[in-house]
Amino acid sequence: MSIRTPAVAGRFYPGSSKQLKSTIKQFFKEASSKNQEAPAALIVPHAGYVFSGQVSAEAFHTIPDSARYKRVFIIGSAHTFRFEGASVYAEEGYETPIGVTKTDQSVIDDLLSNEVMDFIPPAHQNEHSLEVQVPFVQYVFDNELPIVPVLLGQTDRSSIKQIASALQPYFNEENLFVISTDFSHFPAYDDAGEQDLSTAEAILSNDPDHLWQRLEQAKKQNVPGMVTPLCGWTSVMALLEITQDRNVKLEALKYRNSGDSNYGSKDEVVGYYAIKMNRISDSDSFELNHDNKKQLLKIARKTLGQFLATGKKPDIDKKSLDKPLKETCGAFVSLYNAEELRGCVGNLRGNKPLYDIVQEMTVSSAIGDVRFGDVTPEELPDINIEISVLTPLKKLNSLDELEVGKHGVFVTNGVQSGTLLPQVAAQRGWNKEELLGYCSRDKAGLGWNGWKDAEVYTYEAIVFNEKETLNESS
């Protein structure tokens, strides 16, 4: 048995133990994130620490001291050696300036018994995507947890599904999955921000088909300088294949690109995201109490009034907000005047805190719903604001799972998509087929029966409005 010696120490991260620990400690000190529950998975970048170390720290910093993992799976995509399938590092350990981290030989032996897994030594020799994660794992867990390093080579979606199937039994509370990937490579600064946001939104959907569609779309856009929208797409895709039917929630923690570093230009950049994935138990279903609803409605009312008067949204004191308002979830805002709809726009994916989504959707409903003219300041006294806060999307596998009045639907096929909120079908007396037909035809533009060849998701909504909620007693 042998130990893998560092290949990129002194280049991608500091080459001495003291300096490396000090660097990570400073990253953690500047991190804004902290979580009280152990994440199931982290998606982190693998560039040099001067470019992406702070982004990685935002993800690793969410691991609480109380976390009780038995091992850490580090999964990355190969850069320096071409091979097909997956290579599991089968030697005794990984060395960094901090020390040697042992590999979990029993788990590795079990993985290697699967025909889709292999150990290809040259693939690991100079690879940085796994190595740069090891110092963070060593620092967080005092170098006490073993690792399972898995490197993915050139492969197709069919093989990724097989690899995910082999890893799936280990996706449980005993293990942390660390997925190593950078985002866009070499577009200009502003283009990178736009492209990386679209890719992150696809990942946050926890739907591998949606991510695949996003990657195919990016190819067709021919963004100047961009050679890939997601360099570790195979690793991210494997995670989503594992978790698409699990009760999990993804949240974007931090974004930056190499142009934000003192060492990078803004002409050709690489993008970096920190994303965490938490498990959601049935007892942890999202809820809003009466005060939460009142707080959101007041934010929407203040936003609507100030934006129509000044063209700017008001700043919100985040410290004064209750925890549910800071959660990442989707929402729709509907504006009514004398019971007539004046605008309704929403964000299904929920890639920002709820209060922020409500502000954005309030403005969009007032001036961005193409079905109506802009709401005017003179209308404000007669406007009734309704907010629909959405639960995470769940793929519909059978019509038996769809409940009219309880579920909203989201129909998507390629770049075409549309949604109808849960209350719409109940208000109009539709059955299941009518709900799907109207959504498919009128919202997604796929025709009445288009939903049959599309992907359909359901979600629930917590619906409340000013007229009822603000007049209720606490």
Foldseek 3Di string as FASTA:
>chain_A
DDEQEDQQDVNLADQAQVRRLVLLVVLLVPAPDEAPDAFLEKEWEQGRCLWGVSQRSNQLRHGDPPQAAQAEEEEFEFDPDADAAKAKAQDAFYAGNNGTAGADNVLVVQLCVDPRYHHDVVRPRNGRQRVSCVSSVCSSVVSPHHYIYMYHHDYDPVSLLVSLVSCLVVSDSNYYYYYYKWFWWWAFQVVLVVLLVCLVLQLQLLALVSNVLSQVVVVVVCGPGTPGGMPGNSRSSSVSSSPVQAQKGKAWRDKDWSCVGPPDNRHTIIIITMMTMHHADPVNDQDDDLVLVVVLQVQLLQQLLVCLVPVDGDDDDPVPHDPQQFDQAKKKKWKDFPNHTAFIDIDHSRHGGNSVRSSVRSCCRQPPHVVHHHDHNVRSVRIKMKMKTKDRKHWDPDLVVDDQLFKKKWWDDRPFIFIDARNPCVVVVHDSLQRQQCRCCVGRVQHRCSSVVTIMIIIGIDMDMCVPSVPDDD
